[in-house]
Amino acid sequence: MPKHVSVELDKPRKLRFDINALSDAEEALGVGIGAILQQNLGIRTIRALLWAGLKWQDHGLTLQRAGTLLQKYIEDGGDLSVLEGKLVEALIGSGLFGKQEEQEEGNAKAEAAE
């Protein structure tokens, strides 16, 4: 089962990515998840990932409402880099990209090669 990652938005919520959530994010952004993860996360991407990661729990959530949540988060002093970290943690926790240990090993090797 995918890992839930807690995030404080308008209320405590839990991010979770499964196949459907990732497929919805790809559809909303018009690119595959691999391309999404290779880029710097812009507002459009953060909004789409937030929407996709939250709608398992809030079935009526729309992209626009996710944008409103994101706007309020920023206005209330929320740090986008913290939210990005939570999104990435939930993506890795999905188990759809290999085991978390394998991901960390791959990242460490890539950093050492640079």
PDB file of N, CA and C in Angstrom:
ATOM      1  N   MET A   1       0.845  -1.182   0.000  1.00  0.00           N
ATOM      2  CA  MET A   1       0.000   0.000   0.000  1.00  0.00           C
ATOM      3  C   MET A   1       0.892   1.247   0.000  1.00  0.00           C
ATOM      4  N   PRO A   2       0.532   2.257  -0.779  1.00  0.00           N
ATOM      5  CA  PRO A   2       1.327   3.476  -0.822  1.00  0.00           C
ATOM      6  C   PRO A   2       1.400   4.160   0.548  1.00  0.00           C
ATOM      7  N   LYS A   3       2.534   4.769   0.799  1.00  0.00           N
ATOM      8  CA  LYS A   3       2.751   5.497   2.037  1.00  0.00           C
ATOM      9  C   LYS A   3       1.981   6.818   2.009  1.00  0.00           C
ATOM     10  N   HIS A   4       1.385   7.162   3.141  1.00  0.00           N
ATOM     11  CA  HIS A   4       0.726   8.459   3.299  1.00  0.00           C
ATOM     12  C   HIS A   4       1.729   9.437   3.880  1.00  0.00           C
ATOM     13  N   VAL A   5       1.710  10.666   3.398  1.00  0.00           N
ATOM     14  CA  VAL A   5       2.572  11.713   3.928  1.00  0.00           C
ATOM     15  C   VAL A   5       1.679  12.854   4.391  1.00  0.00           C
ATOM     16  N   SER A   6       1.794  13.204   5.655  1.00  0.00           N
ATOM     17  CA  SER A   6       0.965  14.267   6.232  1.00  0.00           C
ATOM     18  C   SER A   6       1.437  15.633   5.763  1.00  0.00           C
ATOM     19  N   VAL A   7       0.468  16.498   5.495  1.00  0.00           N
ATOM     20  CA  VAL A   7       0.740  17.876   5.097  1.00  0.00           C
ATOM     21  C   VAL A   7      -0.352  18.757   5.701  1.00  0.00           C
ATOM     22  N   GLU A   8       0.048  19.924   6.172  1.00  0.00           N
ATOM     23  CA  GLU A   8      -0.897  20.860   6.783  1.00  0.00           C
ATOM     24  C   GLU A   8      -1.253  21.911   5.742  1.00  0.00           C
ATOM     25  N   LEU A   9      -2.484  21.885   5.271  1.00  0.00           N
ATOM     26  CA  LEU A   9      -2.964  22.876   4.312  1.00  0.00           C
ATOM     27  C   LEU A   9      -4.091  23.646   4.991  1.00  0.00           C
ATOM     28  N   ASP A  10      -5.299  23.549   4.479  1.00  0.00           N
ATOM     29  CA  ASP A  10      -6.447  24.164   5.143  1.00  0.00           C
ATOM     30  C   ASP A  10      -6.806  23.397   6.406  1.00  0.00           C
ATOM     31  N   LYS A  11      -6.357  22.153   6.447  1.00  0.00           N
ATOM     32  CA  LYS A  11      -6.523  21.243   7.575  1.00  0.00           C
ATOM     33  C   LYS A  11      -5.476  20.150   7.383  1.00  0.00           C
ATOM     34  N   PRO A  12      -5.263  19.316   8.358  1.00  0.00           N
ATOM     35  CA  PRO A  12      -4.317  18.210   8.144  1.00  0.00           C
ATOM     36  C   PRO A  12      -4.836  17.295   7.029  1.00  0.00           C
ATOM     37  N   ARG A  13      -3.974  17.029   6.082  1.00  0.00           N
ATOM     38  CA  ARG A  13      -4.323  16.155   4.962  1.00  0.00           C
ATOM     39  C   ARG A  13      -3.208  15.144   4.755  1.00  0.00           C
ATOM     40  N   LYS A  14      -3.505  14.110   3.947  1.00  0.00           N
ATOM     41  CA  LYS A  14      -2.507  13.084   3.673  1.00  0.00           C
ATOM     42  C   LYS A  14      -2.344  12.919   2.168  1.00  0.00           C
ATOM     43  N   LEU A  15      -1.110  13.060   1.725  1.00  0.00           N
ATOM     44  CA  LEU A  15      -0.773  12.829   0.321  1.00  0.00           C
ATOM     45  C   LEU A  15      -0.557  11.338   0.110  1.00  0.00           C
ATOM     46  N   ARG A  16      -1.027  10.837  -1.001  1.00  0.00           N
ATOM     47  CA  ARG A  16      -0.810   9.435  -1.350  1.00  0.00           C
ATOM     48  C   ARG A  16      -0.859   9.307  -2.863  1.00  0.00           C
ATOM     49  N   PHE A  17       0.118   8.621  -3.409  1.00  0.00           N
ATOM     50  CA  PHE A  17       0.148   8.393  -4.851  1.00  0.00           C
ATOM     51  C   PHE A  17       0.030   6.911  -5.144  1.00  0.00           C
ATOM     52  N   ASP A  18      -0.951   6.587  -5.977  1.00  0.00           N
ATOM     53  CA  ASP A  18      -1.100   5.243  -6.509  1.00  0.00           C
ATOM     54  C   ASP A  18      -1.128   5.373  -8.034  1.00  0.00           C
ATOM     55  N   ILE A  19      -1.367   4.291  -8.726  1.00  0.00           N
ATOM     56  CA  ILE A  19      -1.392   4.308 -10.194  1.00  0.00           C
ATOM     57  C   ILE A  19      -2.380   5.336 -10.726  1.00  0.00           C
ATOM     58  N   ASN A  20      -3.574   5.382 -10.157  1.00  0.00           N
ATOM     59  CA  ASN A  20      -4.580   6.329 -10.640  1.00  0.00           C
ATOM     60  C   ASN A  20      -4.142   7.773 -10.422  1.00  0.00           C
ATOM     61  N   ALA A  21      -3.575   8.064  -9.264  1.00  0.00           N
ATOM     62  CA  ALA A  21      -3.127   9.427  -8.979  1.00  0.00           C
ATOM     63  C   ALA A  21      -2.022   9.845  -9.952  1.00  0.00           C
ATOM     64  N   LEU A  22      -1.075   8.959 -10.195  1.00  0.00           N
ATOM     65  CA  LEU A  22       0.012   9.296 -11.120  1.00  0.00           C
ATOM     66  C   LEU A  22      -0.494   9.445 -12.548  1.00  0.00           C
ATOM     67  N   SER A  23      -1.426   8.597 -12.933  1.00  0.00           N
ATOM     68  CA  SER A  23      -2.017   8.716 -14.265  1.00  0.00           C
ATOM     69  C   SER A  23      -2.761  10.046 -14.408  1.00  0.00           C
ATOM     70  N   ASP A  24      -3.488  10.437 -13.373  1.00  0.00           N
ATOM     71  CA  ASP A  24      -4.205  11.711 -13.408  1.00  0.00           C
ATOM     72  C   ASP A  24      -3.236  12.890 -13.493  1.00  0.00           C
ATOM     73  N   ALA A  25      -2.121  12.819 -12.753  1.00  0.00           N
ATOM     74  CA  ALA A  25      -1.119  13.887 -12.813  1.00  0.00           C
ATOM     75  C   ALA A  25      -0.513  13.972 -14.208  1.00  0.00           C
ATOM     76  N   GLU A  26      -0.203  12.821 -14.808  1.00  0.00           N
ATOM     77  CA  GLU A  26       0.342  12.815 -16.170  1.00  0.00           C
ATOM     78  C   GLU A  26      -0.646  13.440 -17.150  1.00  0.00           C
ATOM     79  N   GLU A  27      -1.905  13.067 -17.022  1.00  0.00           N
ATOM     80  CA  GLU A  27      -2.921  13.600 -17.920  1.00  0.00           C
ATOM     81  C   GLU A  27      -3.065  15.117 -17.749  1.00  0.00           C
ATOM     82  N   ALA A  28      -3.074  15.572 -16.511  1.00  0.00           N
ATOM     83  CA  ALA A  28      -3.234  17.006 -16.242  1.00  0.00           C
ATOM     84  C   ALA A  28      -2.060  17.815 -16.783  1.00  0.00           C
ATOM     85  N   LEU A  29      -0.867  17.241 -16.736  1.00  0.00           N
ATOM     86  CA  LEU A  29       0.337  17.960 -17.157  1.00  0.00           C
ATOM     87  C   LEU A  29       0.743  17.682 -18.605  1.00  0.00           C
ATOM     88  N   GLY A  30       0.186  16.632 -19.183  1.00  0.00           N
ATOM     89  CA  GLY A  30       0.489  16.326 -20.581  1.00  0.00           C
ATOM     90  C   GLY A  30       1.849  15.692 -20.815  1.00  0.00           C
ATOM     91  N   VAL A  31       2.481  15.213 -19.740  1.00  0.00           N
ATOM     92  CA  VAL A  31       3.775  14.520 -19.857  1.00  0.00           C
ATOM     93  C   VAL A  31       3.801  13.365 -18.875  1.00  0.00           C
ATOM     94  N   GLY A  32       4.701  12.433 -19.108  1.00  0.00           N
ATOM     95  CA  GLY A  32       4.849  11.282 -18.231  1.00  0.00           C
ATOM     96  C   GLY A  32       5.491  11.658 -16.907  1.00  0.00           C
ATOM     97  N   ILE A  33       5.317  10.792 -15.930  1.00  0.00           N
ATOM     98  CA  ILE A  33       5.839  11.066 -14.593  1.00  0.00           C
ATOM     99  C   ILE A  33       7.357  11.176 -14.593  1.00  0.00           C
ATOM    100  N   GLY A  34       8.030  10.441 -15.458  1.00  0.00           N
ATOM    101  CA  GLY A  34       9.490  10.554 -15.553  1.00  0.00           C
ATOM    102  C   GLY A  34       9.915  11.956 -15.929  1.00  0.00           C
ATOM    103  N   ALA A  35       9.229  12.548 -16.895  1.00  0.00           N
ATOM    104  CA  ALA A  35       9.533  13.921 -17.307  1.00  0.00           C
ATOM    105  C   ALA A  35       9.199  14.907 -16.204  1.00  0.00           C
ATOM    106  N   ILE A  36       8.129  14.647 -15.486  1.00  0.00           N
ATOM    107  CA  ILE A  36       7.733  15.526 -14.385  1.00  0.00           C
ATOM    108  C   ILE A  36       8.832  15.566 -13.332  1.00  0.00           C
ATOM    109  N   LEU A  37       9.373  14.402 -13.001  1.00  0.00           N
ATOM    110  CA  LEU A  37      10.375  14.314 -11.939  1.00  0.00           C
ATOM    111  C   LEU A  37      11.745  14.822 -12.369  1.00  0.00           C
ATOM    112  N   GLN A  38      11.979  14.943 -13.662  1.00  0.00           N
ATOM    113  CA  GLN A  38      13.267  15.423 -14.155  1.00  0.00           C
ATOM    114  C   GLN A  38      13.357  16.938 -14.213  1.00  0.00           C
ATOM    115  N   GLN A  39      12.263  17.618 -14.000  1.00  0.00           N
ATOM    116  CA  GLN A  39      12.246  19.074 -14.109  1.00  0.00           C
ATOM    117  C   GLN A  39      12.163  19.724 -12.739  1.00  0.00           C
ATOM    118  N   ASN A  40      12.494  21.000 -12.691  1.00  0.00           N
ATOM    119  CA  ASN A  40      12.233  21.774 -11.485  1.00  0.00           C
ATOM    120  C   ASN A  40      10.726  21.917 -11.375  1.00  0.00           C
ATOM    121  N   LEU A  41      10.214  21.713 -10.187  1.00  0.00           N
ATOM    122  CA  LEU A  41       8.771  21.754 -10.006  1.00  0.00           C
ATOM    123  C   LEU A  41       8.279  23.194 -10.002  1.00  0.00           C
ATOM    124  N   GLY A  42       7.502  23.540 -11.020  1.00  0.00           N
ATOM    125  CA  GLY A  42       6.866  24.846 -11.085  1.00  0.00           C
ATOM    126  C   GLY A  42       5.517  24.794 -10.405  1.00  0.00           C
ATOM    127  N   ILE A  43       4.869  25.925 -10.324  1.00  0.00           N
ATOM    128  CA  ILE A  43       3.564  26.019  -9.660  1.00  0.00           C
ATOM    129  C   ILE A  43       2.546  25.085 -10.309  1.00  0.00           C
ATOM    130  N   ARG A  44       2.529  25.044 -11.634  1.00  0.00           N
ATOM    131  CA  ARG A  44       1.573  24.176 -12.344  1.00  0.00           C
ATOM    132  C   ARG A  44       1.769  22.713 -11.952  1.00  0.00           C
ATOM    133  N   THR A  45       3.034  22.292 -11.877  1.00  0.00           N
ATOM    134  CA  THR A  45       3.344  20.911 -11.519  1.00  0.00           C
ATOM    135  C   THR A  45       3.003  20.636 -10.061  1.00  0.00           C
ATOM    136  N   ILE A  46       3.359  21.562  -9.181  1.00  0.00           N
ATOM    137  CA  ILE A  46       3.048  21.390  -7.757  1.00  0.00           C
ATOM    138  C   ILE A  46       1.538  21.288  -7.564  1.00  0.00           C
ATOM    139  N   ARG A  47       0.785  22.157  -8.235  1.00  0.00           N
ATOM    140  CA  ARG A  47      -0.675  22.123  -8.112  1.00  0.00           C
ATOM    141  C   ARG A  47      -1.222  20.778  -8.594  1.00  0.00           C
ATOM    142  N   ALA A  48      -0.752  20.306  -9.741  1.00  0.00           N
ATOM    143  CA  ALA A  48      -1.250  19.037 -10.287  1.00  0.00           C
ATOM    144  C   ALA A  48      -0.892  17.858  -9.379  1.00  0.00           C
ATOM    145  N   LEU A  49       0.326  17.844  -8.847  1.00  0.00           N
ATOM    146  CA  LEU A  49       0.726  16.757  -7.954  1.00  0.00           C
ATOM    147  C   LEU A  49      -0.042  16.819  -6.637  1.00  0.00           C
ATOM    148  N   LEU A  50      -0.262  18.031  -6.139  1.00  0.00           N
ATOM    149  CA  LEU A  50      -1.039  18.189  -4.910  1.00  0.00           C
ATOM    150  C   LEU A  50      -2.451  17.646  -5.121  1.00  0.00           C
ATOM    151  N   TRP A  51      -3.066  18.037  -6.221  1.00  0.00           N
ATOM    152  CA  TRP A  51      -4.413  17.552  -6.559  1.00  0.00           C
ATOM    153  C   TRP A  51      -4.443  16.029  -6.667  1.00  0.00           C
ATOM    154  N   ALA A  52      -3.507  15.488  -7.423  1.00  0.00           N
ATOM    155  CA  ALA A  52      -3.500  14.041  -7.640  1.00  0.00           C
ATOM    156  C   ALA A  52      -3.229  13.282  -6.342  1.00  0.00           C
ATOM    157  N   GLY A  53      -2.364  13.834  -5.500  1.00  0.00           N
ATOM    158  CA  GLY A  53      -2.009  13.157  -4.261  1.00  0.00           C
ATOM    159  C   GLY A  53      -3.047  13.268  -3.156  1.00  0.00           C
ATOM    160  N   LEU A  54      -3.953  14.232  -3.278  1.00  0.00           N
ATOM    161  CA  LEU A  54      -4.979  14.424  -2.248  1.00  0.00           C
ATOM    162  C   LEU A  54      -6.346  13.859  -2.622  1.00  0.00           C
ATOM    163  N   LYS A  55      -6.608  13.657  -3.899  1.00  0.00           N
ATOM    164  CA  LYS A  55      -7.983  13.333  -4.284  1.00  0.00           C
ATOM    165  C   LYS A  55      -8.432  11.935  -3.891  1.00  0.00           C
ATOM    166  N   TRP A  56      -7.508  11.078  -3.478  1.00  0.00           N
ATOM    167  CA  TRP A  56      -7.921   9.761  -2.967  1.00  0.00           C
ATOM    168  C   TRP A  56      -8.774   9.931  -1.709  1.00  0.00           C
ATOM    169  N   GLN A  57      -8.507  11.011  -0.960  1.00  0.00           N
ATOM    170  CA  GLN A  57      -9.197  11.260   0.291  1.00  0.00           C
ATOM    171  C   GLN A  57     -10.328  12.284   0.125  1.00  0.00           C
ATOM    172  N   ASP A  58     -10.197  13.144  -0.886  1.00  0.00           N
ATOM    173  CA  ASP A  58     -11.169  14.210  -1.154  1.00  0.00           C
ATOM    174  C   ASP A  58     -11.621  14.064  -2.606  1.00  0.00           C
ATOM    175  N   HIS A  59     -12.579  13.174  -2.840  1.00  0.00           N
ATOM    176  CA  HIS A  59     -12.982  12.802  -4.195  1.00  0.00           C
ATOM    177  C   HIS A  59     -13.520  13.957  -5.026  1.00  0.00           C
ATOM    178  N   GLY A  60     -14.010  14.997  -4.408  1.00  0.00           N
ATOM    179  CA  GLY A  60     -14.539  16.143  -5.134  1.00  0.00           C
ATOM    180  C   GLY A  60     -13.495  17.209  -5.428  1.00  0.00           C
ATOM    181  N   LEU A  61     -12.248  16.973  -5.034  1.00  0.00           N
ATOM    182  CA  LEU A  61     -11.195  17.962  -5.233  1.00  0.00           C
ATOM    183  C   LEU A  61     -10.935  18.171  -6.720  1.00  0.00           C
ATOM    184  N   THR A  62     -10.852  19.428  -7.132  1.00  0.00           N
ATOM    185  CA  THR A  62     -10.542  19.780  -8.513  1.00  0.00           C
ATOM    186  C   THR A  62      -9.164  20.425  -8.561  1.00  0.00           C
ATOM    187  N   LEU A  63      -8.626  20.563  -9.758  1.00  0.00           N
ATOM    188  CA  LEU A  63      -7.348  21.272  -9.920  1.00  0.00           C
ATOM    189  C   LEU A  63      -7.459  22.700  -9.403  1.00  0.00           C
ATOM    190  N   GLN A  64      -8.576  23.351  -9.684  1.00  0.00           N
ATOM    191  CA  GLN A  64      -8.765  24.731  -9.232  1.00  0.00           C
ATOM    192  C   GLN A  64      -8.795  24.811  -7.708  1.00  0.00           C
ATOM    193  N   ARG A  65      -9.477  23.883  -7.070  1.00  0.00           N
ATOM    194  CA  ARG A  65      -9.529  23.866  -5.602  1.00  0.00           C
ATOM    195  C   ARG A  65      -8.141  23.566  -5.034  1.00  0.00           C
ATOM    196  N   ALA A  66      -7.397  22.690  -5.680  1.00  0.00           N
ATOM    197  CA  ALA A  66      -6.022  22.425  -5.245  1.00  0.00           C
ATOM    198  C   ALA A  66      -5.188  23.696  -5.361  1.00  0.00           C
ATOM    199  N   GLY A  67      -5.435  24.480  -6.406  1.00  0.00           N
ATOM    200  CA  GLY A  67      -4.757  25.760  -6.559  1.00  0.00           C
ATOM    201  C   GLY A  67      -5.123  26.730  -5.449  1.00  0.00           C
ATOM    202  N   THR A  68      -6.377  26.714  -5.041  1.00  0.00           N
ATOM    203  CA  THR A  68      -6.821  27.558  -3.931  1.00  0.00           C
ATOM    204  C   THR A  68      -6.143  27.129  -2.634  1.00  0.00           C
ATOM    205  N   LEU A  69      -6.038  25.830  -2.405  1.00  0.00           N
ATOM    206  CA  LEU A  69      -5.329  25.325  -1.228  1.00  0.00           C
ATOM    207  C   LEU A  69      -3.873  25.761  -1.239  1.00  0.00           C
ATOM    208  N   LEU A  70      -3.256  25.674  -2.414  1.00  0.00           N
ATOM    209  CA  LEU A  70      -1.862  26.075  -2.569  1.00  0.00           C
ATOM    210  C   LEU A  70      -1.696  27.571  -2.321  1.00  0.00           C
ATOM    211  N   GLN A  71      -2.602  28.379  -2.863  1.00  0.00           N
ATOM    212  CA  GLN A  71      -2.558  29.831  -2.662  1.00  0.00           C
ATOM    213  C   GLN A  71      -2.653  30.171  -1.176  1.00  0.00           C
ATOM    214  N   LYS A  72      -3.604  29.552  -0.493  1.00  0.00           N
ATOM    215  CA  LYS A  72      -3.788  29.806   0.940  1.00  0.00           C
ATOM    216  C   LYS A  72      -2.561  29.361   1.724  1.00  0.00           C
ATOM    217  N   TYR A  73      -1.989  28.232   1.349  1.00  0.00           N
ATOM    218  CA  TYR A  73      -0.776  27.728   2.002  1.00  0.00           C
ATOM    219  C   TYR A  73       0.345  28.770   1.908  1.00  0.00           C
ATOM    220  N   ILE A  74       0.523  29.334   0.727  1.00  0.00           N
ATOM    221  CA  ILE A  74       1.564  30.345   0.517  1.00  0.00           C
ATOM    222  C   ILE A  74       1.239  31.613   1.305  1.00  0.00           C
ATOM    223  N   GLU A  75       0.000  32.071   1.231  1.00  0.00           N
ATOM    224  CA  GLU A  75      -0.414  33.282   1.952  1.00  0.00           C
ATOM    225  C   GLU A  75      -0.252  33.150   3.459  1.00  0.00           C
ATOM    226  N   ASP A  76      -0.417  31.929   3.955  1.00  0.00           N
ATOM    227  CA  ASP A  76      -0.274  31.681   5.387  1.00  0.00           C
ATOM    228  C   ASP A  76       1.178  31.445   5.799  1.00  0.00           C
ATOM    229  N   GLY A  77       2.102  31.694   4.868  1.00  0.00           N
ATOM    230  CA  GLY A  77       3.527  31.568   5.183  1.00  0.00           C
ATOM    231  C   GLY A  77       4.115  30.205   4.909  1.00  0.00           C
ATOM    232  N   GLY A  78       3.366  29.356   4.216  1.00  0.00           N
ATOM    233  CA  GLY A  78       3.881  28.031   3.882  1.00  0.00           C
ATOM    234  C   GLY A  78       5.075  28.116   2.956  1.00  0.00           C
ATOM    235  N   ASP A  79       5.995  27.200   3.107  1.00  0.00           N
ATOM    236  CA  ASP A  79       7.232  27.148   2.337  1.00  0.00           C
ATOM    237  C   ASP A  79       7.068  26.137   1.197  1.00  0.00           C
ATOM    238  N   LEU A  80       7.164  26.629  -0.046  1.00  0.00           N
ATOM    239  CA  LEU A  80       6.993  25.735  -1.198  1.00  0.00           C
ATOM    240  C   LEU A  80       8.026  24.618  -1.221  1.00  0.00           C
ATOM    241  N   SER A  81       9.246  24.887  -0.767  1.00  0.00           N
ATOM    242  CA  SER A  81      10.265  23.835  -0.777  1.00  0.00           C
ATOM    243  C   SER A  81       9.891  22.712   0.197  1.00  0.00           C
ATOM    244  N   VAL A  82       9.244  23.059   1.300  1.00  0.00           N
ATOM    245  CA  VAL A  82       8.775  22.037   2.245  1.00  0.00           C
ATOM    246  C   VAL A  82       7.677  21.208   1.590  1.00  0.00           C
ATOM    247  N   LEU A  83       6.742  21.867   0.915  1.00  0.00           N
ATOM    248  CA  LEU A  83       5.655  21.159   0.243  1.00  0.00           C
ATOM    249  C   LEU A  83       6.204  20.274  -0.875  1.00  0.00           C
ATOM    250  N   GLU A  84       7.165  20.776  -1.635  1.00  0.00           N
ATOM    251  CA  GLU A  84       7.801  19.963  -2.677  1.00  0.00           C
ATOM    252  C   GLU A  84       8.414  18.704  -2.064  1.00  0.00           C
ATOM    253  N   GLY A  85       9.090  18.871  -0.925  1.00  0.00           N
ATOM    254  CA  GLY A  85       9.688  17.721  -0.248  1.00  0.00           C
ATOM    255  C   GLY A  85       8.661  16.690   0.156  1.00  0.00           C
ATOM    256  N   LYS A  86       7.495  17.162   0.620  1.00  0.00           N
ATOM    257  CA  LYS A  86       6.417  16.245   1.002  1.00  0.00           C
ATOM    258  C   LYS A  86       5.871  15.510  -0.224  1.00  0.00           C
ATOM    259  N   LEU A  87       5.737  16.230  -1.337  1.00  0.00           N
ATOM    260  CA  LEU A  87       5.264  15.596  -2.569  1.00  0.00           C
ATOM    261  C   LEU A  87       6.239  14.521  -3.023  1.00  0.00           C
ATOM    262  N   VAL A  88       7.525  14.835  -3.008  1.00  0.00           N
ATOM    263  CA  VAL A  88       8.551  13.866  -3.422  1.00  0.00           C
ATOM    264  C   VAL A  88       8.558  12.672  -2.469  1.00  0.00           C
ATOM    265  N   GLU A  89       8.444  12.934  -1.181  1.00  0.00           N
ATOM    266  CA  GLU A  89       8.397  11.845  -0.195  1.00  0.00           C
ATOM    267  C   GLU A  89       7.217  10.917  -0.477  1.00  0.00           C
ATOM    268  N   ALA A  90       6.063  11.492  -0.797  1.00  0.00           N
ATOM    269  CA  ALA A  90       4.879  10.682  -1.106  1.00  0.00           C
ATOM    270  C   ALA A  90       5.055   9.919  -2.414  1.00  0.00           C
ATOM    271  N   LEU A  91       5.693  10.546  -3.397  1.00  0.00           N
ATOM    272  CA  LEU A  91       5.949   9.850  -4.660  1.00  0.00           C
ATOM    273  C   LEU A  91       6.861   8.648  -4.435  1.00  0.00           C
ATOM    274  N   ILE A  92       7.928   8.844  -3.696  1.00  0.00           N
ATOM    275  CA  ILE A  92       8.840   7.731  -3.399  1.00  0.00           C
ATOM    276  C   ILE A  92       8.123   6.689  -2.556  1.00  0.00           C
ATOM    277  N   GLY A  93       7.308   7.148  -1.603  1.00  0.00           N
ATOM    278  CA  GLY A  93       6.568   6.238  -0.738  1.00  0.00           C
ATOM    279  C   GLY A  93       5.508   5.427  -1.452  1.00  0.00           C
ATOM    280  N   SER A  94       5.201   5.798  -2.684  1.00  0.00           N
ATOM    281  CA  SER A  94       4.203   5.042  -3.451  1.00  0.00           C
ATOM    282  C   SER A  94       4.684   3.638  -3.769  1.00  0.00           C
ATOM    283  N   GLY A  95       6.003   3.454  -3.782  1.00  0.00           N
ATOM    284  CA  GLY A  95       6.560   2.156  -4.135  1.00  0.00           C
ATOM    285  C   GLY A  95       6.570   1.892  -5.628  1.00  0.00           C
ATOM    286  N   LEU A  96       6.153   2.862  -6.421  1.00  0.00           N
ATOM    287  CA  LEU A  96       6.059   2.673  -7.867  1.00  0.00           C
ATOM    288  C   LEU A  96       7.362   2.995  -8.592  1.00  0.00           C
ATOM    289  N   PHE A  97       8.356   3.462  -7.853  1.00  0.00           N
ATOM    290  CA  PHE A  97       9.630   3.825  -8.459  1.00  0.00           C
ATOM    291  C   PHE A  97      10.760   2.985  -7.894  1.00  0.00           C
ATOM    292  N   GLY A  98      10.458   1.795  -7.412  1.00  0.00           N
ATOM    293  CA  GLY A  98      11.449   0.960  -6.749  1.00  0.00           C
ATOM    294  C   GLY A  98      11.386   1.219  -5.255  1.00  0.00           C
ATOM    295  N   LYS A  99      12.175   0.471  -4.532  1.00  0.00           N
ATOM    296  CA  LYS A  99      12.201   0.637  -3.085  1.00  0.00           C
ATOM    297  C   LYS A  99      12.905   1.924  -2.716  1.00  0.00           C
ATOM    298  N   GLN A 100      12.526   2.505  -1.602  1.00  0.00           N
ATOM    299  CA  GLN A 100      13.087   3.783  -1.165  1.00  0.00           C
ATOM    300  C   GLN A 100      14.599   3.673  -1.006  1.00  0.00           C
ATOM    301  N   GLU A 101      15.102   2.546  -0.512  1.00  0.00           N
ATOM    302  CA  GLU A 101      16.539   2.384  -0.345  1.00  0.00           C
ATOM    303  C   GLU A 101      17.246   2.433  -1.695  1.00  0.00           C
ATOM    304  N   GLU A 102      16.642   1.827  -2.718  1.00  0.00           N
ATOM    305  CA  GLU A 102      17.226   1.850  -4.058  1.00  0.00           C
ATOM    306  C   GLU A 102      17.261   3.271  -4.603  1.00  0.00           C
ATOM    307  N   GLN A 103      16.194   4.043  -4.355  1.00  0.00           N
ATOM    308  CA  GLN A 103      16.149   5.434  -4.782  1.00  0.00           C
ATOM    309  C   GLN A 103      17.270   6.232  -4.133  1.00  0.00           C
ATOM    310  N   GLU A 104      17.447   6.055  -2.826  1.00  0.00           N
ATOM    311  CA  GLU A 104      18.468   6.799  -2.097  1.00  0.00           C
ATOM    312  C   GLU A 104      19.864   6.417  -2.573  1.00  0.00           C
ATOM    313  N   GLU A 105      20.077   5.116  -2.831  1.00  0.00           N
ATOM    314  CA  GLU A 105      21.366   4.658  -3.362  1.00  0.00           C
ATOM    315  C   GLU A 105      21.651   5.292  -4.708  1.00  0.00           C
ATOM    316  N   GLY A 106      20.649   5.300  -5.587  1.00  0.00           N
ATOM    317  CA  GLY A 106      20.807   5.880  -6.910  1.00  0.00           C
ATOM    318  C   GLY A 106      21.115   7.363  -6.832  1.00  0.00           C
ATOM    319  N   ASN A 107      20.441   8.067  -5.934  1.00  0.00           N
ATOM    320  CA  ASN A 107      20.693   9.513  -5.755  1.00  0.00           C
ATOM    321  C   ASN A 107      22.092   9.749  -5.239  1.00  0.00           C
ATOM    322  N   ALA A 108      22.542   8.932  -4.282  1.00  0.00           N
ATOM    323  CA  ALA A 108      23.883   9.097  -3.734  1.00  0.00           C
ATOM    324  C   ALA A 108      24.948   8.841  -4.809  1.00  0.00           C
ATOM    325  N   LYS A 109      24.746   7.831  -5.638  1.00  0.00           N
ATOM    326  CA  LYS A 109      25.693   7.532  -6.716  1.00  0.00           C
ATOM    327  C   LYS A 109      25.736   8.661  -7.732  1.00  0.00           C
ATOM    328  N   ALA A 110      24.567   9.203  -8.073  1.00  0.00           N
ATOM    329  CA  ALA A 110      24.509  10.291  -9.036  1.00  0.00           C
ATOM    330  C   ALA A 110      25.218  11.539  -8.496  1.00  0.00           C
ATOM    331  N   GLU A 111      25.041  11.821  -7.208  1.00  0.00           N
ATOM    332  CA  GLU A 111      25.705  12.979  -6.603  1.00  0.00           C
ATOM    333  C   GLU A 111      27.210  12.774  -6.546  1.00  0.00           C
ATOM    334  N   ALA A 112      27.652  11.553  -6.269  1.00  0.00           N
ATOM    335  CA  ALA A 112      29.087  11.270  -6.187  1.00  0.00           C
ATOM    336  C   ALA A 112      29.752  11.381  -7.560  1.00  0.00           C
ATOM    337  N   ALA A 113      28.990  11.076  -8.609  1.00  0.00           N
ATOM    338  CA  ALA A 113      29.538  11.127  -9.973  1.00  0.00           C
ATOM    339  C   ALA A 113      29.692  12.553 -10.462  1.00  0.00           C
ATOM    340  N   GLU A 114      28.968  13.496  -9.854  1.00  0.00           N
ATOM    341  CA  GLU A 114      29.014  14.902 -10.302  1.00  0.00           C
ATOM    342  C   GLU A 114      30.232  15.584  -9.879  1.00  0.00           C
TER     343      GLU A 114
END
